[in-house]
Amino acid sequence: MWRSPVRSVLWRDDVLRGAVRAAQTLNTDTLTPVGSCSAPGKKWVRPSGFDTGLKAFNSLTKQKEPLILAREGIATWYSCGPTVYDHAHLGHACSYVRFDILQRILSRVFGITVIHAMVITDIDDKIIKRSWEENVSASVVARLYEDEFKKDMLSLKVLPPSVYLRVTENVQHIIAFIERIIQNGHAYATKEGDVYFDIQSIGDRYGKFVGAVDSHSEPGSSNKRDSRDFALWKPSKPQEPWWESPWGRGRPGWHIECSTVASSVFGSQLDIHSGGIDLAFPHHENEVAQSEAYHQCGQWGNYFLHSGHLHLKGSTEKMSKSLKNYITIKDFMQSYSADEFRMFCLLSKYRSAIDYSEGSMSEARASLGTISTFLHDAQAYMKGQLQCLPVQDANLWERLAETKCFIQAALADDFDTPRAMNALMNLVYHGNCQLQPVTKSDGTPRSPAVFGAMSSYITDVLDIFGISKLQSTADVASSSGSLEAIVDQLTRFRSDVRAFALARQQDDPSTGAPVKRGPYPDRMPLLKACDALRNDLAPMGVLIKDRGANSTWEITQRQTQRDQKDQDKSS
């Protein structure tokens, strides 16, 4: 059932206000077990609640499961944010863009309000090391790269979460969280001031992610009871930031940060948790163990969605800072657009590994170009500027209806964007087949309505995916009237000059004798000048198309710096 938009907005606002209050006032008494927390052991239990009609691949079960939410029309979603010690790279971008697309699909296609919380890890060994290298405080390093991360996400058109939470602003909550876990018998302190999670205390409940058990252990104190035990609290070293705690001065471990922050916002039950596949173990495994030990429940997070790695083509290694094989988002944006990267992500399943190369980006750019050209041609046809053979509009109406159903089904099946995009490109192909230009109309009735419907649907789907730069001439006119007027006037003037240059010779006016029909030779320089103007404007983002006696134009993406360099090399 569709939730009233007004009620959804009011409910969301209440949740956000409550989330902020909870993040500020969390103590050991605020969170109590509810919902699915009675589930025992490692076996996943299908939640009760609102069945969305979608299926999602759940890493807890390694298969697609019906997506069932605790509240009708509301999805609570937590994602691990960045550790802010360096520039974000395309591996990060791929994960964040993919999950942004999934959240947009839930919201725009299926009417589900997504309440998304993200933690910013602003204290960590890597941040401390970077601060020493730069001879500044850890907080200065963290704020610098946090701000840069947010700017990068904005440039990629990633919607911000409902709430950002920094680790350093939640340390007291983390200490309280650890104390409760100790009280519940699932953690212990050492004489050195470490606090470790006691994995043996939860028995076979550890290892919820298939294949994770015995695959990792953390270095640490020799006083650990089990090599798999991981740190909840670490004593500070000389010149490191620290906070007072019952175990001495120190700082939180990595995994406990996410458990505390997610619980501070969503309590003892979470619908969806997302992150890169490399985080499944040990990070998400340990996060689940901590949260369920705190809440004394057996199923804290119902669905874990993991995105595949991004590789440089020809490499089996993921893109990462430690391997020094990364491209920063800022550098990438010098050569490509956010829309092109989004299309690159859409052409593969979110949970699949993906190869990055100039070839794969060219494919994404070409797909956008094909769609943009169709939208422009369809508009030219609707305005009477493009003469075509008779359009089989009944076939196009049927194709459009089939495409709508197919895309809806694909997105409901684990957010299958490659299938959805294939259907959309197939619709564009059949539309293009009907827009074959002819020099002269035969007077048959035109069919502009179907192209209007197709164009509207295509732009709506792309907008859902966060691609919104494929503007029509009308869009450009509304957003930049003066530019539209200038380009329109220039195109009309060029069209008049071109028509004059292409005029055919008639009978010799002095003798009346027939002459060889063709353009006037002395007007050919005018025709060449028209072609030169068209070619000169293309790199500036103005594409002029000659359609018989008429000419049309559209604003396209301007030539990138890389395109310009390639052109300079070839010239």
Protein backbone atom coordinates (compact mmCIF):
# COMPACT_ATOMS: atom_id res chain seq x y z
CA MET A 1 0.00 0.00 0.00
CA TRP A 2 1.30 3.46 -0.89
CA ARG A 3 2.01 5.61 2.17
CA SER A 4 0.58 9.12 2.11
CA PRO A 5 3.37 11.52 1.04
CA VAL A 6 2.47 13.92 3.84
CA ARG A 7 2.54 11.19 6.47
CA SER A 8 5.84 9.88 5.07
CA VAL A 9 7.46 13.29 5.29
CA LEU A 10 6.20 13.88 8.82
CA TRP A 11 7.32 10.41 9.93
CA ARG A 12 10.74 10.94 8.34
CA ASP A 13 11.17 14.31 10.06
CA ASP A 14 10.28 12.74 13.40
CA VAL A 15 12.81 9.95 12.81
CA LEU A 16 15.56 12.39 11.87
CA ARG A 17 14.93 14.55 14.91
CA GLY A 18 14.90 11.45 17.07
CA ALA A 19 18.08 10.17 15.44
CA VAL A 20 19.97 13.34 16.26
CA ARG A 21 18.68 13.35 19.83
CA ALA A 22 19.62 9.70 20.24
CA ALA A 23 23.10 10.29 18.87
CA GLN A 24 23.57 13.02 21.47
CA THR A 25 22.07 11.29 24.48
CA LEU A 26 22.70 7.55 24.08
CA ASN A 27 23.32 5.67 27.31
CA THR A 28 23.16 2.06 28.34
CA ASP A 29 19.43 2.28 29.07
CA THR A 30 18.17 3.76 25.80
CA LEU A 31 18.12 0.66 23.61
CA THR A 32 16.02 -2.40 24.29
CA PRO A 33 15.59 -5.60 22.29
CA VAL A 34 12.64 -5.54 19.88
CA GLY A 35 11.50 -7.07 16.60
CA SER A 36 13.57 -9.94 15.23
CA CYS A 37 16.01 -10.04 18.17
CA SER A 38 14.67 -13.35 19.42
CA ALA A 39 16.27 -15.24 16.52
CA PRO A 40 18.83 -17.81 17.76
CA GLY A 41 22.19 -18.78 16.27
CA LYS A 42 23.53 -18.04 12.82
CA LYS A 43 20.45 -19.02 10.86
CA TRP A 44 18.81 -16.05 9.17
CA VAL A 45 15.18 -15.57 10.11
CA ARG A 46 12.84 -13.93 7.65
CA PRO A 47 11.66 -10.68 9.28
CA SER A 48 8.04 -9.88 9.91
CA GLY A 49 6.67 -6.59 8.68
CA PHE A 50 6.03 -4.85 5.38
CA ASP A 51 6.76 -6.92 2.25
CA THR A 52 8.01 -4.51 -0.41
CA GLY A 53 7.57 -6.98 -3.27
CA LEU A 54 11.29 -6.67 -4.04
CA LYS A 55 14.03 -9.24 -3.71
CA ALA A 56 17.56 -8.39 -2.59
CA PHE A 57 20.70 -10.51 -2.46
CA ASN A 58 21.42 -10.89 1.24
CA SER A 59 25.06 -11.62 2.11
CA LEU A 60 23.84 -13.31 5.31
CA THR A 61 22.23 -16.09 3.25
CA LYS A 62 24.15 -15.76 -0.03
CA GLN A 63 20.91 -15.68 -1.99
CA LYS A 64 18.05 -13.40 -2.95
CA GLU A 65 15.49 -12.87 -0.22
CA PRO A 66 12.16 -11.01 -0.11
CA LEU A 67 12.86 -7.49 1.15
CA ILE A 68 10.69 -7.06 4.23
CA LEU A 69 10.85 -3.85 6.25
CA ALA A 70 9.94 -3.31 9.89
CA ARG A 71 7.70 -0.35 9.01
CA GLU A 72 5.52 0.13 5.97
CA GLY A 73 7.13 2.42 3.41
CA ILE A 74 10.24 3.08 5.56
CA ALA A 75 13.72 1.56 5.17
CA THR A 76 16.34 2.09 7.87
CA TRP A 77 19.77 1.96 6.21
CA TYR A 78 23.25 2.17 7.68
CA SER A 79 26.48 2.35 5.69
CA CYS A 80 30.11 2.49 6.70
CA GLY A 81 31.51 5.86 5.75
CA PRO A 82 35.10 6.78 4.91
CA THR A 83 38.18 6.81 7.08
CA VAL A 84 39.25 10.35 6.29
CA TYR A 85 43.03 10.40 5.93
CA ASP A 86 43.50 10.79 2.16
CA HIS A 87 41.76 11.58 -1.12
CA ALA A 88 38.79 9.38 -2.04
CA HIS A 89 39.32 7.28 -5.17
CA LEU A 90 37.18 5.57 -7.80
CA GLY A 91 36.90 2.39 -5.74
CA HIS A 92 35.11 4.41 -3.07
CA ALA A 93 33.09 6.27 -5.71
CA CYS A 94 31.88 3.03 -7.26
CA SER A 95 30.49 1.71 -3.97
CA TYR A 96 28.85 4.97 -2.92
CA VAL A 97 27.34 5.65 -6.36
CA ARG A 98 26.00 2.11 -6.64
CA PHE A 99 24.24 2.30 -3.28
CA ASP A 100 23.02 5.80 -4.06
CA ILE A 101 21.35 4.34 -7.17
CA LEU A 102 19.75 1.58 -5.06
CA GLN A 103 18.38 4.12 -2.59
CA ARG A 104 17.01 6.25 -5.42
CA ILE A 105 15.28 3.18 -6.87
CA LEU A 106 13.68 2.36 -3.51
CA SER A 107 12.50 5.93 -3.11
CA ARG A 108 11.52 6.92 -6.65
CA VAL A 109 10.27 3.63 -8.10
CA PHE A 110 8.82 1.86 -5.07
CA GLY A 111 7.82 4.80 -2.86
CA ILE A 112 9.97 3.79 0.12
CA THR A 113 11.45 6.52 2.31
CA VAL A 114 15.08 5.68 3.07
CA ILE A 115 16.48 6.85 6.43
CA HIS A 116 20.22 6.61 5.87
CA ALA A 117 22.89 7.06 8.54
CA MET A 118 26.64 7.09 7.87
CA VAL A 119 29.62 7.27 10.21
CA ILE A 120 32.74 9.29 9.48
CA THR A 121 35.79 7.58 10.98
CA ASP A 122 37.83 10.60 12.02
CA ILE A 123 40.25 8.87 14.41
CA ASP A 124 42.32 5.91 13.25
CA ASP A 125 45.92 4.70 12.98
CA LYS A 126 46.13 5.97 9.39
CA ILE A 127 44.83 9.40 10.36
CA ILE A 128 47.34 9.63 13.21
CA LYS A 129 50.19 8.58 10.92
CA ARG A 130 49.16 11.18 8.34
CA SER A 131 49.00 13.88 11.01
CA TRP A 132 52.56 13.11 12.04
CA GLU A 133 53.70 13.26 8.42
CA GLU A 134 51.98 16.61 7.90
CA ASN A 135 52.95 17.93 11.36
CA VAL A 136 49.35 18.88 12.15
CA SER A 137 46.74 17.51 14.54
CA ALA A 138 44.70 14.44 13.67
CA SER A 139 41.54 16.55 13.79
CA VAL A 140 42.91 18.91 11.13
CA VAL A 141 43.70 15.99 8.81
CA ALA A 142 40.29 14.43 9.41
CA ARG A 143 38.30 17.62 8.76
CA LEU A 144 40.29 18.37 5.61
CA TYR A 145 39.60 15.01 4.01
CA GLU A 146 36.04 14.80 5.35
CA ASP A 147 35.23 18.06 3.58
CA GLU A 148 36.93 16.80 0.42
CA PHE A 149 34.98 13.53 0.59
CA LYS A 150 31.68 15.38 0.83
CA LYS A 151 32.63 17.59 -2.12
CA ASP A 152 33.53 14.48 -4.13
CA MET A 153 30.17 12.91 -3.34
CA LEU A 154 28.43 16.11 -4.38
CA SER A 155 30.33 16.15 -7.68
CA LEU A 156 29.15 12.56 -8.31
CA LYS A 157 25.57 13.55 -7.40
CA VAL A 158 25.44 11.13 -4.47
CA LEU A 159 22.60 12.13 -2.16
CA PRO A 160 23.85 12.91 1.36
CA PRO A 161 22.69 10.58 4.15
CA SER A 162 19.94 11.65 6.50
CA VAL A 163 22.58 12.05 9.19
CA TYR A 164 26.40 12.01 9.33
CA LEU A 165 27.96 11.04 12.67
CA ARG A 166 31.65 11.44 13.55
CA VAL A 167 33.40 8.89 15.75
CA THR A 168 35.14 11.56 17.84
CA GLU A 169 31.79 13.10 18.74
CA ASN A 170 30.46 9.74 19.97
CA VAL A 171 33.33 8.37 22.09
CA GLN A 172 31.35 8.57 25.34
CA HIS A 173 28.53 6.62 23.70
CA ILE A 174 31.08 4.05 22.53
CA ILE A 175 32.44 3.67 26.07
CA ALA A 176 28.90 3.09 27.37
CA PHE A 177 28.30 0.59 24.59
CA ILE A 178 31.45 -1.35 25.54
CA GLU A 179 30.50 -1.33 29.22
CA ARG A 180 27.14 -2.93 28.40
CA ILE A 181 28.84 -5.65 26.33
CA ILE A 182 31.16 -6.40 29.28
CA GLN A 183 28.17 -6.50 31.64
CA ASN A 184 26.45 -8.95 29.29
CA GLY A 185 29.47 -11.25 29.51
CA HIS A 186 30.77 -10.84 25.96
CA ALA A 187 33.92 -8.73 26.44
CA TYR A 188 36.85 -8.47 28.85
CA ALA A 189 39.58 -5.99 29.77
CA THR A 190 43.29 -6.78 30.01
CA LYS A 191 45.84 -5.41 32.43
CA GLU A 192 47.35 -3.37 29.57
CA GLY A 193 44.11 -1.41 29.19
CA ASP A 194 42.76 -3.23 26.12
CA VAL A 195 39.17 -4.40 25.90
CA TYR A 196 38.49 -7.39 23.65
CA PHE A 197 35.32 -9.00 22.42
CA ASP A 198 35.05 -12.59 23.67
CA ILE A 199 34.15 -14.60 20.58
CA GLN A 200 33.85 -17.88 22.48
CA SER A 201 31.09 -16.34 24.59
CA ILE A 202 28.68 -16.29 21.64
CA GLY A 203 29.46 -19.82 20.45
CA ASP A 204 28.44 -20.70 16.91
CA ARG A 205 26.67 -17.38 16.44
CA TYR A 206 29.99 -15.99 15.22
CA GLY A 207 30.47 -16.54 11.50
CA LYS A 208 27.17 -15.28 10.09
CA PHE A 209 28.88 -14.54 6.78
CA VAL A 210 29.53 -17.83 5.03
CA GLY A 211 33.21 -18.77 4.94
CA ALA A 212 34.22 -16.18 7.50
CA VAL A 213 35.01 -18.41 10.49
CA ASP A 214 38.71 -18.97 11.19
CA SER A 215 39.65 -16.80 8.24
CA HIS A 216 41.04 -13.91 10.22
CA SER A 217 42.55 -12.94 13.51
CA GLU A 218 43.72 -9.58 14.78
CA PRO A 219 47.14 -8.90 16.28
CA GLY A 220 47.14 -7.61 19.82
CA SER A 221 47.82 -8.45 23.43
CA SER A 222 49.15 -11.88 24.34
CA ASN A 223 46.49 -11.86 27.04
CA LYS A 224 43.71 -12.42 24.50
CA ARG A 225 41.63 -15.47 25.33
CA ASP A 226 41.22 -16.40 21.67
CA SER A 227 43.28 -15.32 18.67
CA ARG A 228 40.04 -14.29 16.96
CA ASP A 229 39.10 -11.84 19.72
CA PHE A 230 39.12 -8.28 18.43
CA ALA A 231 39.66 -4.91 20.07
CA LEU A 232 36.82 -2.77 21.36
CA TRP A 233 39.14 -0.33 23.12
CA LYS A 234 42.86 0.30 22.68
CA PRO A 235 45.22 2.02 25.13
CA SER A 236 46.82 5.15 23.75
CA LYS A 237 50.45 5.30 22.73
CA PRO A 238 52.70 8.32 23.27
CA GLN A 239 51.62 11.38 21.25
CA GLU A 240 48.34 9.75 20.19
CA PRO A 241 44.90 11.28 20.83
CA TRP A 242 43.14 9.72 23.81
CA TRP A 243 39.96 9.75 25.88
CA GLU A 244 39.49 8.80 29.52
CA SER A 245 37.72 5.49 30.08
CA PRO A 246 37.19 2.93 32.86
CA TRP A 247 40.16 1.04 31.36
CA GLY A 248 42.51 3.99 31.16
CA ARG A 249 43.32 6.49 28.47
CA GLY A 250 42.76 5.20 24.96
CA ARG A 251 40.53 5.24 21.90
CA PRO A 252 37.91 3.01 20.28
CA GLY A 253 38.59 0.04 18.06
CA TRP A 254 37.41 0.14 14.46
CA HIS A 255 34.40 -2.20 14.56
CA ILE A 256 32.77 -0.83 17.72
CA GLU A 257 32.37 2.61 16.12
CA CYS A 258 29.82 1.39 13.57
CA SER A 259 27.88 -0.73 16.06
CA THR A 260 27.49 2.20 18.43
CA VAL A 261 26.58 4.79 15.82
CA ALA A 262 24.12 2.53 13.99
CA SER A 263 22.46 1.57 17.26
CA SER A 264 22.31 5.19 18.40
CA VAL A 265 20.19 6.02 15.36
CA PHE A 266 18.18 2.85 14.72
CA GLY A 267 18.19 0.97 18.03
CA SER A 268 18.11 -2.80 18.18
CA GLN A 269 16.78 -3.44 14.69
CA LEU A 270 18.17 -2.40 11.32
CA ASP A 271 16.62 -3.11 7.94
CA ILE A 272 19.60 -2.70 5.59
CA HIS A 273 23.37 -2.46 6.08
CA SER A 274 25.62 -1.77 3.10
CA GLY A 275 29.31 -1.59 2.25
CA GLY A 276 32.01 -2.93 -0.02
CA ILE A 277 32.44 -6.70 -0.19
CA ASP A 278 35.85 -6.39 1.49
CA LEU A 279 34.06 -5.17 4.64
CA ALA A 280 31.97 -8.34 5.06
CA PHE A 281 34.72 -9.92 7.11
CA PRO A 282 35.98 -9.07 9.57
CA HIS A 283 34.33 -5.66 9.87
CA HIS A 284 30.66 -6.50 9.38
CA GLU A 285 31.03 -9.88 11.07
CA ASN A 286 32.43 -8.20 14.17
CA GLU A 287 29.92 -5.38 13.97
CA VAL A 288 27.07 -7.89 14.05
CA ALA A 289 28.64 -9.77 16.97
CA GLN A 290 29.01 -6.58 19.02
CA SER A 291 25.52 -5.30 18.27
CA GLU A 292 23.80 -8.57 19.08
CA ALA A 293 25.88 -8.92 22.26
CA TYR A 294 24.80 -5.43 23.30
CA HIS A 295 21.12 -5.83 22.43
CA GLN A 296 21.04 -9.50 23.52
CA CYS A 297 19.40 -10.50 20.26
CA GLY A 298 20.04 -12.95 17.46
CA GLN A 299 19.37 -10.83 14.37
CA TRP A 300 20.25 -7.17 14.60
CA GLY A 301 20.63 -6.41 10.88
CA ASN A 302 18.17 -8.10 8.53
CA TYR A 303 19.85 -7.48 5.16
CA PHE A 304 23.50 -6.93 4.28
CA LEU A 305 24.13 -5.61 0.78
CA HIS A 306 27.72 -5.66 -0.49
CA SER A 307 29.07 -4.02 -3.63
CA GLY A 308 31.74 -5.63 -5.79
CA HIS A 309 35.28 -4.33 -6.12
CA LEU A 310 36.43 -1.97 -8.84
CA HIS A 311 39.57 -3.15 -10.64
CA LEU A 312 41.79 -1.47 -13.15
CA LYS A 313 41.36 -3.53 -16.32
CA GLY A 314 43.93 -6.30 -16.50
CA SER A 315 44.44 -6.37 -12.73
CA THR A 316 42.96 -8.83 -10.25
CA GLU A 317 43.60 -6.46 -7.35
CA LYS A 318 40.94 -4.08 -6.11
CA MET A 319 41.62 -0.37 -6.42
CA SER A 320 43.02 0.76 -3.07
CA LYS A 321 45.30 3.30 -1.46
CA SER A 322 47.53 0.64 0.07
CA LEU A 323 48.29 -0.82 -3.37
CA LYS A 324 48.91 2.62 -4.89
CA ASN A 325 46.79 1.66 -7.90
CA TYR A 326 44.05 4.23 -7.56
CA ILE A 327 42.64 7.21 -9.44
CA THR A 328 41.27 10.01 -7.28
CA ILE A 329 37.73 11.20 -7.86
CA LYS A 330 38.98 14.72 -8.43
CA ASP A 331 41.40 13.57 -11.17
CA PHE A 332 38.71 11.41 -12.77
CA MET A 333 36.32 14.35 -12.98
CA GLN A 334 38.84 16.22 -15.14
CA SER A 335 38.16 13.74 -17.94
CA TYR A 336 34.65 12.42 -17.38
CA SER A 337 31.32 13.57 -15.98
CA ALA A 338 29.25 12.30 -13.08
CA ASP A 339 26.61 11.09 -15.56
CA GLU A 340 29.20 9.04 -17.44
CA PHE A 341 30.42 7.41 -14.22
CA ARG A 342 26.84 6.67 -13.19
CA MET A 343 26.18 5.03 -16.55
CA PHE A 344 29.40 3.03 -16.08
CA CYS A 345 28.02 1.77 -12.74
CA LEU A 346 24.54 1.09 -14.14
CA LEU A 347 25.90 -1.24 -16.82
CA SER A 348 26.96 -3.84 -14.23
CA LYS A 349 25.24 -5.41 -11.22
CA TYR A 350 25.97 -3.56 -8.01
CA ARG A 351 27.35 -6.68 -6.32
CA SER A 352 29.62 -7.68 -9.21
CA ALA A 353 33.27 -6.78 -9.62
CA ILE A 354 33.76 -4.19 -12.33
CA ASP A 355 36.73 -3.41 -14.59
CA TYR A 356 37.62 0.23 -15.10
CA SER A 357 39.32 1.30 -18.32
CA GLU A 358 39.10 3.99 -20.96
CA GLY A 359 37.22 1.45 -23.06
CA SER A 360 34.55 0.86 -20.41
CA MET A 361 34.17 4.60 -19.90
CA SER A 362 33.88 5.09 -23.67
CA GLU A 363 31.05 2.55 -23.68
CA ALA A 364 29.25 4.50 -20.95
CA ARG A 365 29.78 7.77 -22.81
CA ALA A 366 28.53 6.23 -26.06
CA SER A 367 25.37 4.96 -24.34
CA LEU A 368 24.61 8.43 -23.03
CA GLY A 369 25.32 9.88 -26.46
CA THR A 370 22.92 7.46 -28.14
CA ILE A 371 20.16 8.38 -25.69
CA SER A 372 20.85 12.10 -26.01
CA THR A 373 20.76 11.92 -29.81
CA PHE A 374 17.43 10.09 -29.75
CA LEU A 375 15.89 12.64 -27.37
CA HIS A 376 17.07 15.47 -29.61
CA ASP A 377 15.82 13.80 -32.80
CA ALA A 378 12.48 12.98 -31.17
CA GLN A 379 12.08 16.61 -30.21
CA ALA A 380 12.98 17.75 -33.72
CA TYR A 381 10.33 15.37 -35.07
CA MET A 382 7.71 16.67 -32.64
CA LYS A 383 8.48 20.26 -33.67
CA GLY A 384 8.17 19.40 -37.35
CA GLN A 385 11.86 19.98 -38.04
CA LEU A 386 12.55 16.34 -38.94
CA GLN A 387 10.72 14.73 -41.86
CA CYS A 388 10.48 10.93 -41.67
CA LEU A 389 8.87 7.96 -43.32
CA PRO A 390 5.44 7.09 -41.87
CA VAL A 391 5.84 6.12 -38.20
CA GLN A 392 4.45 2.80 -36.97
CA ASP A 393 3.18 4.38 -33.77
CA ALA A 394 1.15 1.35 -32.63
CA ASN A 395 4.36 -0.67 -32.45
CA LEU A 396 6.09 2.07 -30.46
CA TRP A 397 3.23 2.39 -27.98
CA GLU A 398 3.39 -1.36 -27.42
CA ARG A 399 7.19 -1.25 -27.01
CA LEU A 400 6.89 1.55 -24.48
CA ALA A 401 4.35 -0.35 -22.36
CA GLU A 402 6.48 -3.52 -22.46
CA THR A 403 9.60 -1.57 -21.50
CA LYS A 404 7.90 -0.01 -18.49
CA CYS A 405 6.84 -3.43 -17.19
CA PHE A 406 10.23 -4.98 -17.89
CA ILE A 407 12.22 -2.25 -16.15
CA GLN A 408 9.92 -2.32 -13.11
CA ALA A 409 10.42 -6.08 -12.84
CA ALA A 410 14.20 -5.84 -13.33
CA LEU A 411 14.59 -3.25 -10.59
CA ALA A 412 12.43 -5.31 -8.22
CA ASP A 413 14.75 -8.27 -8.82
CA ASP A 414 17.79 -7.27 -6.75
CA PHE A 415 18.04 -3.84 -8.41
CA ASP A 416 19.13 -5.31 -11.77
CA THR A 417 20.22 -2.10 -13.49
CA PRO A 418 22.03 -3.83 -16.42
CA ARG A 419 18.75 -5.48 -17.47
CA ALA A 420 16.90 -2.20 -17.00
CA MET A 421 19.42 -0.26 -19.09
CA ASN A 422 19.37 -2.92 -21.80
CA ALA A 423 15.58 -2.55 -22.02
CA LEU A 424 15.87 1.24 -22.14
CA MET A 425 18.51 1.12 -24.90
CA ASN A 426 16.31 -1.32 -26.83
CA LEU A 427 13.45 1.20 -26.65
CA VAL A 428 15.79 3.91 -27.94
CA TYR A 429 16.89 1.63 -30.78
CA HIS A 430 13.32 1.03 -31.95
CA GLY A 431 12.57 4.72 -31.66
CA ASN A 432 15.59 5.55 -33.80
CA CYS A 433 14.48 3.00 -36.41
CA GLN A 434 11.29 5.03 -36.86
CA LEU A 435 13.13 8.35 -37.15
CA GLN A 436 14.76 7.78 -40.51
CA PRO A 437 14.95 11.20 -42.20
CA VAL A 438 13.69 11.87 -45.72
CA THR A 439 14.25 14.98 -47.81
CA LYS A 440 10.55 15.56 -48.45
CA SER A 441 7.40 14.60 -46.59
CA ASP A 442 4.79 12.54 -48.44
CA GLY A 443 2.00 14.21 -46.48
CA THR A 444 1.08 11.22 -44.31
CA PRO A 445 -0.16 11.96 -40.76
CA ARG A 446 2.57 12.48 -38.18
CA SER A 447 2.79 10.77 -34.76
CA PRO A 448 4.42 13.18 -32.31
CA ALA A 449 2.54 11.94 -29.21
CA VAL A 450 4.31 8.59 -28.98
CA PHE A 451 7.73 10.24 -29.19
CA GLY A 452 6.69 12.67 -26.48
CA ALA A 453 5.70 9.75 -24.24
CA MET A 454 8.91 7.85 -24.98
CA SER A 455 11.10 10.89 -24.33
CA SER A 456 9.33 11.65 -21.07
CA TYR A 457 9.69 8.08 -19.81
CA ILE A 458 13.37 7.82 -20.78
CA THR A 459 14.28 11.07 -19.05
CA ASP A 460 12.29 10.03 -15.97
CA VAL A 461 14.16 6.72 -15.70
CA LEU A 462 17.53 8.42 -16.10
CA ASP A 463 16.56 11.00 -13.50
CA ILE A 464 15.73 8.18 -11.08
CA PHE A 465 19.27 6.89 -11.61
CA GLY A 466 20.69 10.34 -10.94
CA ILE A 467 21.39 11.19 -14.59
CA SER A 468 19.75 14.50 -15.33
CA LYS A 469 21.97 16.37 -17.77
CA LEU A 470 20.40 15.08 -21.00
CA GLN A 471 18.53 18.32 -21.48
CA SER A 472 16.23 19.00 -24.37
CA THR A 473 16.25 22.31 -26.20
CA ALA A 474 13.19 23.34 -24.19
CA ASP A 475 15.02 22.56 -20.94
CA VAL A 476 17.97 24.68 -22.01
CA ALA A 477 15.62 27.49 -23.00
CA SER A 478 14.00 27.53 -19.59
CA SER A 479 17.31 27.46 -17.72
CA SER A 480 19.26 29.80 -19.98
CA GLY A 481 16.99 31.85 -22.21
CA SER A 482 19.67 34.19 -23.51
CA LEU A 483 21.90 31.32 -24.62
CA GLU A 484 18.97 29.62 -26.35
CA ALA A 485 18.07 32.80 -28.21
CA ILE A 486 21.64 33.38 -29.40
CA VAL A 487 22.18 29.81 -30.60
CA ASP A 488 18.73 29.69 -32.19
CA GLN A 489 19.33 32.93 -34.10
CA LEU A 490 22.78 31.77 -35.21
CA THR A 491 21.40 28.43 -36.41
CA ARG A 492 18.61 30.12 -38.40
CA PHE A 493 21.08 32.50 -40.04
CA ARG A 494 23.39 29.61 -40.92
CA SER A 495 20.41 27.65 -42.26
CA ASP A 496 19.45 30.55 -44.54
CA VAL A 497 23.02 30.92 -45.83
CA ARG A 498 23.26 27.17 -46.38
CA ALA A 499 19.96 27.09 -48.29
CA PHE A 500 21.23 29.92 -50.53
CA ALA A 501 24.49 28.05 -51.15
CA LEU A 502 22.65 24.82 -52.02
CA ALA A 503 20.16 26.44 -54.41
CA ARG A 504 20.10 24.62 -57.76
CA GLN A 505 20.84 26.36 -61.08
CA GLN A 506 17.86 26.85 -63.41
CA ASP A 507 17.80 27.66 -67.17
CA ASP A 508 20.37 30.19 -68.40
CA PRO A 509 18.58 33.53 -67.83
CA SER A 510 20.19 35.17 -70.91
CA THR A 511 19.48 32.45 -73.51
CA GLY A 512 16.80 30.32 -71.86
CA ALA A 513 18.88 27.25 -72.66
CA PRO A 514 18.95 24.46 -70.08
CA VAL A 515 22.12 24.15 -68.00
CA LYS A 516 23.54 21.35 -65.87
CA ARG A 517 21.48 21.39 -62.66
CA GLY A 518 23.55 21.71 -59.47
CA PRO A 519 24.79 24.24 -56.90
CA TYR A 520 26.26 27.48 -58.14
CA PRO A 521 30.06 27.03 -58.13
CA ASP A 522 30.66 30.53 -56.80
CA ARG A 523 28.54 29.74 -53.72
CA MET A 524 30.58 26.71 -52.62
CA PRO A 525 32.78 28.79 -50.25
CA LEU A 526 29.59 29.72 -48.36
CA LEU A 527 28.73 26.04 -47.96
CA LYS A 528 32.23 25.29 -46.67
CA ALA A 529 31.94 28.19 -44.22
CA CYS A 530 28.65 26.75 -42.90
CA ASP A 531 30.30 23.36 -42.37
CA ALA A 532 33.27 25.00 -40.65
CA LEU A 533 30.97 26.88 -38.26
CA ARG A 534 29.15 23.66 -37.39
CA ASN A 535 32.46 21.86 -36.74
CA ASP A 536 33.86 24.74 -34.68
CA LEU A 537 30.82 24.84 -32.39
CA ALA A 538 30.78 21.08 -31.66
CA PRO A 539 33.74 21.11 -29.21
CA MET A 540 32.03 23.97 -27.37
CA GLY A 541 28.99 21.80 -26.70
CA VAL A 542 26.70 23.10 -29.48
CA LEU A 543 25.73 20.33 -31.91
CA ILE A 544 24.10 21.49 -35.16
CA LYS A 545 22.37 18.95 -37.39
CA ASP A 546 21.34 19.68 -40.98
CA ARG A 547 17.99 18.15 -41.89
CA GLY A 548 17.27 18.92 -45.52
CA ALA A 549 16.24 22.56 -45.75
CA ASN A 550 16.19 22.97 -41.97
CA SER A 551 18.84 22.79 -39.25
CA THR A 552 18.42 21.95 -35.56
CA TRP A 553 20.72 22.27 -32.57
CA GLU A 554 21.27 20.85 -29.11
CA ILE A 555 23.54 21.52 -26.17
CA THR A 556 25.81 18.55 -25.47
CA GLN A 557 28.60 17.97 -22.98
CA ARG A 558 31.57 20.13 -23.79
CA GLN A 559 34.72 18.49 -25.05
CA THR A 560 36.76 17.22 -22.11
CA GLN A 561 40.38 18.07 -21.47
CA ARG A 562 41.38 14.54 -22.48
CA ASP A 563 39.48 14.85 -25.77
CA GLN A 564 41.22 18.15 -26.44
CA LYS A 565 44.66 16.65 -25.72
CA ASP A 566 43.95 13.71 -28.04
CA GLN A 567 42.80 16.11 -30.74
CA ASP A 568 45.94 18.23 -30.30
CA LYS A 569 48.15 15.14 -30.63
CA SER A 570 46.47 14.08 -33.87
CA SER A 571 46.57 17.54 -35.44
